[in-house]
C-alpha atoms as a PDB file:
ATOM      1  CA  MET A   1       0.164   0.194  -0.269  1.00  0.00           C
ATOM      2  CA  LEU A   2       1.467   4.078  -0.557  1.00  0.00           C
ATOM      3  CA  VAL A   3       0.193   6.409   0.789  1.00  0.00           C
ATOM      4  CA  GLY A   4      -1.659   9.315  -1.336  1.00  0.00           C
ATOM      5  CA  PRO A   5      -0.964  13.400  -2.246  1.00  0.00           C
ATOM      6  CA  SER A   6      -4.709  13.712   0.555  1.00  0.00           C
ATOM      7  CA  GLY A   7      -3.145  10.980   3.321  1.00  0.00           C
ATOM      8  CA  GLY A   8      -4.976   7.763   2.444  1.00  0.00           C
ATOM      9  CA  GLN A   9      -3.707   5.087   1.341  1.00  0.00           C
ATOM     10  CA  ALA A  10      -4.277   3.410  -2.545  1.00  0.00           C
ATOM     11  CA  MET A  11      -3.923  -0.160  -2.997  1.00  0.00           C
ATOM     12  CA  VAL A  12      -0.724  -0.435  -6.216  1.00  0.00           C
ATOM     13  CA  GLY A  13      -1.564  -3.042  -8.896  1.00  0.00           C
ATOM     14  CA  ALA A  14      -5.541  -2.851  -7.965  1.00  0.00           C
ATOM     15  CA  GLY A  15      -8.004  -0.499  -9.905  1.00  0.00           C
ATOM     16  CA  LEU A  16      -8.812   0.923  -7.630  1.00  0.00           C
ATOM     17  CA  ARG A  17      -8.636   4.379  -7.122  1.00  0.00           C
ATOM     18  CA  GLU A  18      -8.900   6.500  -4.096  1.00  0.00           C
ATOM     19  CA  PRO A  19     -12.147   8.690  -3.005  1.00  0.00           C
ATOM     20  CA  LYS A  20     -11.417  12.508  -3.529  1.00  0.00           C
ATOM     21  CA  ALA A  21     -11.865  14.415  -0.390  1.00  0.00           C
ATOM     22  CA  HIS A  22     -14.487  16.716  -0.236  1.00  0.00           C
ATOM     23  CA  PRO A  23     -13.409  20.738   1.626  1.00  0.00           C
ATOM     24  CA  ALA A  24     -15.595  20.286   3.525  1.00  0.00           C
ATOM     25  CA  GLY A  25     -14.131  16.361   5.149  1.00  0.00           C
ATOM     26  CA  ARG A  26     -16.836  14.317   3.546  1.00  0.00           C
ATOM     27  CA  LEU A  27     -16.656  12.209  -0.066  1.00  0.00           C
ATOM     28  CA  ARG A  28     -17.051  13.111  -2.735  1.00  0.00           C
ATOM     29  CA  LYS A  29     -19.482  10.750  -4.784  1.00  0.00           C
ATOM     30  CA  ALA A  30     -18.033  10.364  -8.389  1.00  0.00           C
ATOM     31  CA  PRO A  31     -20.283  11.578 -11.401  1.00  0.00           C
ATOM     32  CA  PRO A  32     -22.685   9.212 -13.032  1.00  0.00           C
ATOM     33  CA  SER A  33     -21.025   6.842 -15.852  1.00  0.00           C
ATOM     34  CA  VAL A  34     -21.665   7.648 -19.394  1.00  0.00           C
ATOM     35  CA  SER A  35     -23.409   5.131 -19.802  1.00  0.00           C
ATOM     36  CA  SER A  36     -26.440   5.347 -17.044  1.00  0.00           C
ATOM     37  CA  THR A  37     -27.011   9.312 -17.651  1.00  0.00           C
ATOM     38  CA  ALA A  38     -27.660   8.123 -21.849  1.00  0.00           C
ATOM     39  CA  VAL A  39     -30.845   6.021 -20.690  1.00  0.00           C
ATOM     40  CA  THR A  40     -32.455   8.124 -18.106  1.00  0.00           C
ATOM     41  CA  ARG A  41     -33.873  11.398 -19.246  1.00  0.00           C
ATOM     42  CA  PRO A  42     -32.600  14.471 -17.119  1.00  0.00           C
ATOM     43  CA  ARG A  43     -34.234  15.924 -14.876  1.00  0.00           C
ATOM     44  CA  THR A  44     -35.596  19.462 -16.655  1.00  0.00           C
ATOM     45  CA  ALA A  45     -37.295  17.784 -19.259  1.00  0.00           C
ATOM     46  CA  ARG A  46     -39.339  16.622 -17.283  1.00  0.00           C
ATOM     47  CA  ARG A  47     -40.972  19.756 -15.930  1.00  0.00           C
ATOM     48  CA  PRO A  48     -42.195  21.306 -18.571  1.00  0.00           C
ATOM     49  CA  LEU A  49     -43.437  18.838 -19.469  1.00  0.00           C
ATOM     50  CA  ALA A  50     -44.840  18.632 -15.772  1.00  0.00           C
ATOM     51  CA  SER A  51     -46.241  21.976 -15.664  1.00  0.00           C
ATOM     52  CA  ALA A  52     -47.810  21.865 -19.438  1.00  0.00           C
ATOM     53  CA  LEU A  53     -50.301  19.360 -18.723  1.00  0.00           C
ATOM     54  CA  LEU A  54     -51.180  20.391 -15.029  1.00  0.00           C
ATOM     55  CA  ALA A  55     -51.633  24.113 -16.751  1.00  0.00           C
ATOM     56  CA  LEU A  56     -54.316  22.151 -19.644  1.00  0.00           C
ATOM     57  CA  LEU A  57     -56.204  20.610 -17.306  1.00  0.00           C
ATOM     58  CA  LEU A  58     -57.259  23.199 -15.314  1.00  0.00           C
ATOM     59  CA  PHE A  59     -57.382  25.674 -17.959  1.00  0.00           C
ATOM     60  CA  GLY A  60     -59.995  21.806 -19.523  1.00  0.00           C
ATOM     61  CA  ALA A  61     -62.359  23.081 -16.069  1.00  0.00           C
ATOM     62  CA  CYS A  62     -63.751  27.276 -17.344  1.00  0.00           C
ATOM     63  CA  ALA A  63     -66.808  28.521 -17.030  1.00  0.00           C
ATOM     64  CA  SER A  64     -69.074  30.443 -15.447  1.00  0.00           C
ATOM     65  CA  LEU A  65     -72.933  31.271 -15.535  1.00  0.00           C
ATOM     66  CA  THR A  66     -74.439  34.922 -14.754  1.00  0.00           C
ATOM     67  CA  PHE A  67     -78.063  35.668 -14.124  1.00  0.00           C
ATOM     68  CA  ASP A  68     -79.540  39.266 -15.408  1.00  0.00           C
ATOM     69  CA  ARG A  69     -83.052  39.928 -13.772  1.00  0.00           C
ATOM     70  CA  THR A  70     -85.455  42.235 -15.472  1.00  0.00           C
ATOM     71  CA  THR A  71     -88.523  41.843 -13.608  1.00  0.00           C
ATOM     72  CA  GLU A  72     -88.620  40.516 -10.329  1.00  0.00           C
ATOM     73  CA  GLY A  73     -89.177  36.784 -12.650  1.00  0.00           C
ATOM     74  CA  ALA A  74     -87.779  36.444 -15.429  1.00  0.00           C
ATOM     75  CA  GLY A  75     -84.380  37.725 -17.009  1.00  0.00           C
ATOM     76  CA  THR A  76     -81.315  36.158 -19.487  1.00  0.00           C
ATOM     77  CA  PHE A  77     -79.107  34.286 -18.659  1.00  0.00           C
ATOM     78  CA  LYS A  78     -75.236  33.330 -20.004  1.00  0.00           C
ATOM     79  CA  SER A  79     -73.303  30.192 -19.965  1.00  0.00           C
ATOM     80  CA  SER A  80     -69.444  29.659 -21.007  1.00  0.00           C
ATOM     81  CA  ALA A  81     -67.481  26.232 -20.646  1.00  0.00           C
ATOM     82  CA  VAL A  82     -63.706  25.409 -22.647  1.00  0.00           C
ATOM     83  CA  SER A  83     -62.331  22.122 -22.733  1.00  0.00           C
ATOM     84  CA  PHE A  84     -59.729  20.714 -23.630  1.00  0.00           C
ATOM     85  CA  THR A  85     -59.327  18.028 -26.343  1.00  0.00           C
ATOM     86  CA  LEU A  86     -56.529  15.246 -27.165  1.00  0.00           C
ATOM     87  CA  LEU A  87     -56.909  12.863 -29.845  1.00  0.00           C
ATOM     88  CA  GLY A  88     -61.245  12.462 -29.150  1.00  0.00           C
ATOM     89  CA  MET A  89     -61.608  12.820 -25.571  1.00  0.00           C
ATOM     90  CA  HIS A  90     -62.592  15.561 -24.131  1.00  0.00           C
ATOM     91  CA  PHE A  91     -61.793  17.621 -20.503  1.00  0.00           C
ATOM     92  CA  PRO A  92     -63.660  17.793 -18.506  1.00  0.00           C
ATOM     93  CA  SER A  93     -66.201  17.646 -21.198  1.00  0.00           C
ATOM     94  CA  GLY A  94     -67.339  19.384 -24.139  1.00  0.00           C
ATOM     95  CA  ALA A  95     -67.801  23.410 -23.864  1.00  0.00           C
ATOM     96  CA  MET A  96     -71.636  22.642 -24.948  1.00  0.00           C
ATOM     97  CA  MET A  97     -72.413  20.500 -23.721  1.00  0.00           C
ATOM     98  CA  SER A  98     -70.737  21.237 -20.397  1.00  0.00           C
ATOM     99  CA  ALA A  99     -72.404  25.015 -21.020  1.00  0.00           C
ATOM    100  CA  ARG A 100     -75.991  24.264 -21.235  1.00  0.00           C
ATOM    101  CA  ALA A 101     -75.470  21.642 -18.087  1.00  0.00           C
ATOM    102  CA  ASN A 102     -74.132  24.980 -16.212  1.00  0.00           C
ATOM    103  CA  ALA A 103     -77.239  27.045 -17.230  1.00  0.00           C
ATOM    104  CA  SER A 104     -79.541  24.443 -16.546  1.00  0.00           C
ATOM    105  CA  ASP A 105     -78.477  22.958 -13.450  1.00  0.00           C
ATOM    106  CA  SER A 106     -78.880  27.256 -12.546  1.00  0.00           C
ATOM    107  CA  THR A 107     -82.922  24.894 -11.417  1.00  0.00           C
ATOM    108  CA  LEU A 108     -84.693  28.288 -12.861  1.00  0.00           C
ATOM    109  CA  PRO A 109     -88.461  27.925 -14.660  1.00  0.00           C
ATOM    110  CA  ASN A 110     -88.841  28.568 -18.283  1.00  0.00           C
ATOM    111  CA  LEU A 111     -85.026  28.046 -19.508  1.00  0.00           C
ATOM    112  CA  GLU A 112     -84.563  29.167 -23.114  1.00  0.00           C
ATOM    113  CA  VAL A 113     -81.288  28.962 -24.883  1.00  0.00           C
ATOM    114  CA  ASN A 114     -81.763  31.996 -27.459  1.00  0.00           C
ATOM    115  CA  ARG A 115     -78.206  31.494 -29.150  1.00  0.00           C
ATOM    116  CA  GLU A 116     -75.066  29.321 -28.655  1.00  0.00           C
ATOM    117  CA  VAL A 117     -71.957  30.038 -30.158  1.00  0.00           C
ATOM    118  CA  LEU A 118     -68.811  27.410 -30.386  1.00  0.00           C
ATOM    119  CA  ARG A 119     -64.983  28.878 -31.590  1.00  0.00           C
ATOM    120  CA  PRO A 120     -63.227  27.669 -33.321  1.00  0.00           C
ATOM    121  CA  TYR A 121     -65.618  26.561 -35.426  1.00  0.00           C
ATOM    122  CA  PHE A 122     -64.300  24.323 -38.947  1.00  0.00           C
ATOM    123  CA  GLY A 123     -67.737  23.285 -40.238  1.00  0.00           C
ATOM    124  CA  ARG A 124     -67.263  19.891 -42.314  1.00  0.00           C
ATOM    125  CA  LEU A 125     -63.287  19.935 -40.904  1.00  0.00           C
ATOM    126  CA  ASP A 126     -64.477  20.278 -37.354  1.00  0.00           C
ATOM    127  CA  PHE A 127     -62.967  16.992 -37.333  1.00  0.00           C
ATOM    128  CA  LEU A 128     -59.431  17.968 -37.223  1.00  0.00           C
ATOM    129  CA  LEU A 129     -60.343  20.268 -33.789  1.00  0.00           C
ATOM    130  CA  ASN A 130     -60.308  16.115 -31.310  1.00  0.00           C
ATOM    131  CA  ILE A 131     -57.474  15.398 -32.125  1.00  0.00           C
ATOM    132  CA  LEU A 132     -55.832  18.342 -30.308  1.00  0.00           C
ATOM    133  CA  SER A 133     -58.159  21.534 -29.734  1.00  0.00           C
ATOM    134  CA  VAL A 134     -59.177  24.076 -26.825  1.00  0.00           C
ATOM    135  CA  ARG A 135     -62.757  24.908 -27.794  1.00  0.00           C
ATOM    136  CA  TYR A 136     -64.814  27.808 -25.704  1.00  0.00           C
ATOM    137  CA  ALA A 137     -68.710  27.498 -26.008  1.00  0.00           C
ATOM    138  CA  ARG A 138     -71.979  30.289 -24.814  1.00  0.00           C
ATOM    139  CA  VAL A 139     -75.343  29.986 -24.170  1.00  0.00           C
ATOM    140  CA  GLU A 140     -77.502  33.259 -24.081  1.00  0.00           C
ATOM    141  CA  GLY A 141     -81.118  33.419 -23.382  1.00  0.00           C
ATOM    142  CA  THR A 142     -84.019  33.944 -20.873  1.00  0.00           C
ATOM    143  CA  TRP A 143     -85.259  32.089 -18.334  1.00  0.00           C
ATOM    144  CA  GLY A 144     -88.626  32.857 -15.791  1.00  0.00           C
ATOM    145  CA  PHE A 145     -92.736  34.577 -16.946  1.00  0.00           C
ATOM    146  CA  PRO A 146     -92.323  37.342 -19.159  1.00  0.00           C
ATOM    147  CA  PRO A 147     -94.617  39.500 -16.323  1.00  0.00           C
ATOM    148  CA  THR A 148     -98.499  39.995 -18.079  1.00  0.00           C
ATOM    149  CA  ASP A 149    -100.273  43.199 -18.020  1.00  0.00           C
END
């Protein structure tokens, strides 16, 4: 055995290297070999993917519902929803379905839809939006019974 430059002992001819001492007195870990880093993904590549997926799922659950009273027992409503579509699966559900369901869940009497808007809408090429898209839907209408004079 020989005494190494840092004061530790090393065996000659055994092919072993002396571990390098850290300035604070602790042993420093050797860097991973080339073969192990080629197989694993770098940690920095996972963060943007995870945050993008989380943002899409959170963004996919947006909906709103507002009511404006015109008389004591009647008024107008606006319901909107946003959904994210990936390979034909809508998250959380279809935008138009969510907007209509929100208005329907209000249990107001005589709910009538006057206008529906769906964006984007490609007509016959709408099937392309089932691959990957974010869709917005708005439903407007009236509720209640108009006053009789």
